Structure formats: structure tokens, C-alpha cells
Amino acid sequence: MTTILPLLAFIVATSVAVIGACGPRGVMVEKLARVYGEVSQGGGLTNGRLIVLVELYVNKETGTWTLVQTYPSGIACIMVAGNNWRSNPLVVPGVDT
């Protein structure tokens, strides 16, 4: 365990937007805001045996976004990240018409 913590700290400190990166939720939220300008747009709790918090962070100016899940232990992990976020509903031809 003691060898994993320094590696984990390095991953979180150097590349928060890397999918699968994990760390304390407070550190993750601060990095998303400081490095990417992303702020929480909302979230919710999953159903099932292991309940986790899932949140979406977005920078409305640049369009970058990150989906983060936080475990009851307080450790947060990036599930997926991307760009070109749109807040308006998408219309899918053939499905929504």
C-alpha cells in the first residue's frame, strides 16, 4: 500500500484528465477547476450494492467535460472525459423526429 500511494499522488498531480486517474475527491475537484476550468453541473447516486456519487464537470466556455465517480471512501476516479460539450438537448435524426 505504501508504494501505491506515491504513484497515485503522482498520477493525480500530473494528469487529472487521464481516464482512470483516482485520488481524494477534494484534490480531483480542485484540479478540474484550476487546470480545466470545469465546475460541477450536477450528479446523482448509483443504485445497487455499492452506491457511488457520479458527477459531471464542464467548462462551458471551452466545452471540455469530465465524468467523475466518488466512492464512499472519498476516493474519486475519472470515468471518461471529452470535449465539445453541449448543454442543449441533442436531436438524433430518425430517433427524435
C-alpha atoms as a PDB file:
ATOM      1  CA  MET A   1       0.000   0.000   0.000  1.00  0.00           C
ATOM      2  CA  THR A   2       2.816   2.419   0.792  1.00  0.00           C
ATOM      3  CA  THR A   3       4.218   2.014  -2.730  1.00  0.00           C
ATOM      4  CA  ILE A   4       0.842   2.670  -4.338  1.00  0.00           C
ATOM      5  CA  LEU A   5       0.153   5.996  -2.600  1.00  0.00           C
ATOM      6  CA  PRO A   6       3.127   7.901  -4.099  1.00  0.00           C
ATOM      7  CA  LEU A   7       2.228   6.594  -7.548  1.00  0.00           C
ATOM      8  CA  LEU A   8      -1.395   7.609  -7.040  1.00  0.00           C
ATOM      9  CA  ALA A   9      -0.339  11.077  -5.914  1.00  0.00           C
ATOM     10  CA  PHE A  10       1.879  11.415  -8.996  1.00  0.00           C
ATOM     11  CA  ILE A  11      -0.935  10.421 -11.356  1.00  0.00           C
ATOM     12  CA  VAL A  12      -3.406  12.851  -9.781  1.00  0.00           C
ATOM     13  CA  ALA A  13      -0.844  15.672  -9.637  1.00  0.00           C
ATOM     14  CA  THR A  14       0.292  15.354 -13.248  1.00  0.00           C
ATOM     15  CA  SER A  15      -2.728  14.352 -15.303  1.00  0.00           C
ATOM     16  CA  VAL A  16      -6.160  14.678 -13.744  1.00  0.00           C
ATOM     17  CA  ALA A  17      -7.925  14.273 -17.099  1.00  0.00           C
ATOM     18  CA  VAL A  18      -6.495  10.786 -17.604  1.00  0.00           C
ATOM     19  CA  ILE A  19      -9.310   8.264 -17.590  1.00  0.00           C
ATOM     20  CA  GLY A  20      -8.926   6.003 -14.598  1.00  0.00           C
ATOM     21  CA  ALA A  21      -6.960   8.554 -12.569  1.00  0.00           C
ATOM     22  CA  CYS A  22      -8.062   8.429  -8.930  1.00  0.00           C
ATOM     23  CA  GLY A  23      -7.441  10.462  -5.821  1.00  0.00           C
ATOM     24  CA  PRO A  24      -9.118  12.273  -2.957  1.00  0.00           C
ATOM     25  CA  ARG A  25     -12.295  13.966  -4.201  1.00  0.00           C
ATOM     26  CA  GLY A  26     -11.220  17.406  -2.965  1.00  0.00           C
ATOM     27  CA  VAL A  27      -7.965  17.200  -4.911  1.00  0.00           C
ATOM     28  CA  MET A  28      -9.779  15.998  -8.033  1.00  0.00           C
ATOM     29  CA  VAL A  29     -12.399  18.780  -7.901  1.00  0.00           C
ATOM     30  CA  GLU A  30      -9.733  21.444  -7.320  1.00  0.00           C
ATOM     31  CA  LYS A  31      -7.630  20.201 -10.254  1.00  0.00           C
ATOM     32  CA  LEU A  32     -10.617  20.072 -12.604  1.00  0.00           C
ATOM     33  CA  ALA A  33     -11.425  23.690 -11.707  1.00  0.00           C
ATOM     34  CA  ARG A  34      -7.861  25.022 -11.768  1.00  0.00           C
ATOM     35  CA  VAL A  35      -6.454  23.173 -14.778  1.00  0.00           C
ATOM     36  CA  TYR A  36      -9.539  22.773 -16.975  1.00  0.00           C
ATOM     37  CA  GLY A  37     -11.943  25.405 -15.635  1.00  0.00           C
ATOM     38  CA  GLU A  38     -14.547  22.691 -15.110  1.00  0.00           C
ATOM     39  CA  VAL A  39     -17.219  23.002 -12.426  1.00  0.00           C
ATOM     40  CA  SER A  40     -19.901  20.570 -11.315  1.00  0.00           C
ATOM     41  CA  GLN A  41     -23.089  20.659 -13.362  1.00  0.00           C
ATOM     42  CA  GLY A  42     -24.866  18.056 -11.264  1.00  0.00           C
ATOM     43  CA  GLY A  43     -24.765  14.448 -10.258  1.00  0.00           C
ATOM     44  CA  GLY A  44     -26.509  11.595  -8.540  1.00  0.00           C
ATOM     45  CA  LEU A  45     -26.108   8.345  -6.673  1.00  0.00           C
ATOM     46  CA  THR A  46     -25.978   4.953  -8.352  1.00  0.00           C
ATOM     47  CA  ASN A  47     -28.264   2.065  -7.399  1.00  0.00           C
ATOM     48  CA  GLY A  48     -27.005  -1.284  -6.244  1.00  0.00           C
ATOM     49  CA  ARG A  49     -24.824  -2.778  -3.550  1.00  0.00           C
ATOM     50  CA  LEU A  50     -22.038  -0.223  -3.944  1.00  0.00           C
ATOM     51  CA  ILE A  51     -23.520   3.256  -4.034  1.00  0.00           C
ATOM     52  CA  VAL A  52     -21.246   5.851  -5.621  1.00  0.00           C
ATOM     53  CA  LEU A  53     -21.669   9.527  -6.441  1.00  0.00           C
ATOM     54  CA  VAL A  54     -21.419  10.290 -10.164  1.00  0.00           C
ATOM     55  CA  GLU A  55     -20.833  13.938 -11.156  1.00  0.00           C
ATOM     56  CA  LEU A  56     -20.398  15.804 -14.410  1.00  0.00           C
ATOM     57  CA  TYR A  57     -17.870  18.663 -14.540  1.00  0.00           C
ATOM     58  CA  VAL A  58     -18.000  21.050 -17.508  1.00  0.00           C
ATOM     59  CA  ASN A  59     -16.193  24.130 -18.773  1.00  0.00           C
ATOM     60  CA  LYS A  60     -18.979  25.886 -20.690  1.00  0.00           C
ATOM     61  CA  GLU A  61     -16.529  28.180 -22.489  1.00  0.00           C
ATOM     62  CA  THR A  62     -14.144  25.544 -23.868  1.00  0.00           C
ATOM     63  CA  GLY A  63     -16.577  22.612 -23.983  1.00  0.00           C
ATOM     64  CA  THR A  64     -14.354  20.219 -22.038  1.00  0.00           C
ATOM     65  CA  TRP A  65     -16.116  17.831 -19.673  1.00  0.00           C
ATOM     66  CA  THR A  66     -15.256  15.093 -17.192  1.00  0.00           C
ATOM     67  CA  LEU A  67     -17.427  12.412 -15.601  1.00  0.00           C
ATOM     68  CA  VAL A  68     -16.228  11.529 -12.091  1.00  0.00           C
ATOM     69  CA  GLN A  69     -17.357   8.809  -9.695  1.00  0.00           C
ATOM     70  CA  THR A  70     -16.682   9.093  -5.967  1.00  0.00           C
ATOM     71  CA  TYR A  71     -16.687   6.079  -3.670  1.00  0.00           C
ATOM     72  CA  PRO A  72     -17.884   6.105  -0.035  1.00  0.00           C
ATOM     73  CA  SER A  73     -14.188   6.202   0.958  1.00  0.00           C
ATOM     74  CA  GLY A  74     -13.885   9.675  -0.599  1.00  0.00           C
ATOM     75  CA  ILE A  75     -11.707   8.477  -3.475  1.00  0.00           C
ATOM     76  CA  ALA A  76     -12.810   9.884  -6.827  1.00  0.00           C
ATOM     77  CA  CYS A  77     -11.968   8.403 -10.237  1.00  0.00           C
ATOM     78  CA  ILE A  78     -12.339   9.817 -13.730  1.00  0.00           C
ATOM     79  CA  MET A  79     -14.692   7.603 -15.723  1.00  0.00           C
ATOM     80  CA  VAL A  80     -14.494   9.442 -19.049  1.00  0.00           C
ATOM     81  CA  ALA A  81     -13.601  12.898 -20.345  1.00  0.00           C
ATOM     82  CA  GLY A  82     -14.064  14.742 -23.606  1.00  0.00           C
ATOM     83  CA  ASN A  83     -14.742  17.988 -25.403  1.00  0.00           C
ATOM     84  CA  ASN A  84     -17.446  19.733 -27.436  1.00  0.00           C
ATOM     85  CA  TRP A  85     -19.954  19.571 -24.558  1.00  0.00           C
ATOM     86  CA  ARG A  86     -23.388  20.938 -25.426  1.00  0.00           C
ATOM     87  CA  SER A  87     -25.895  21.874 -22.757  1.00  0.00           C
ATOM     88  CA  ASN A  88     -28.852  21.928 -25.113  1.00  0.00           C
ATOM     89  CA  PRO A  89     -30.704  18.690 -25.893  1.00  0.00           C
ATOM     90  CA  LEU A  90     -29.398  16.753 -28.884  1.00  0.00           C
ATOM     91  CA  VAL A  91     -31.778  15.811 -31.662  1.00  0.00           C
ATOM     92  CA  VAL A  92     -30.936  12.441 -33.189  1.00  0.00           C
ATOM     93  CA  PRO A  93     -32.354  12.119 -36.722  1.00  0.00           C
ATOM     94  CA  GLY A  94     -34.578   9.074 -37.100  1.00  0.00           C
ATOM     95  CA  VAL A  95     -34.951   8.716 -33.346  1.00  0.00           C
ATOM     96  CA  ASP A  96     -36.203  12.113 -32.187  1.00  0.00           C
ATOM     97  CA  THR A  97     -38.106  13.066 -35.365  1.00  0.00           C
END
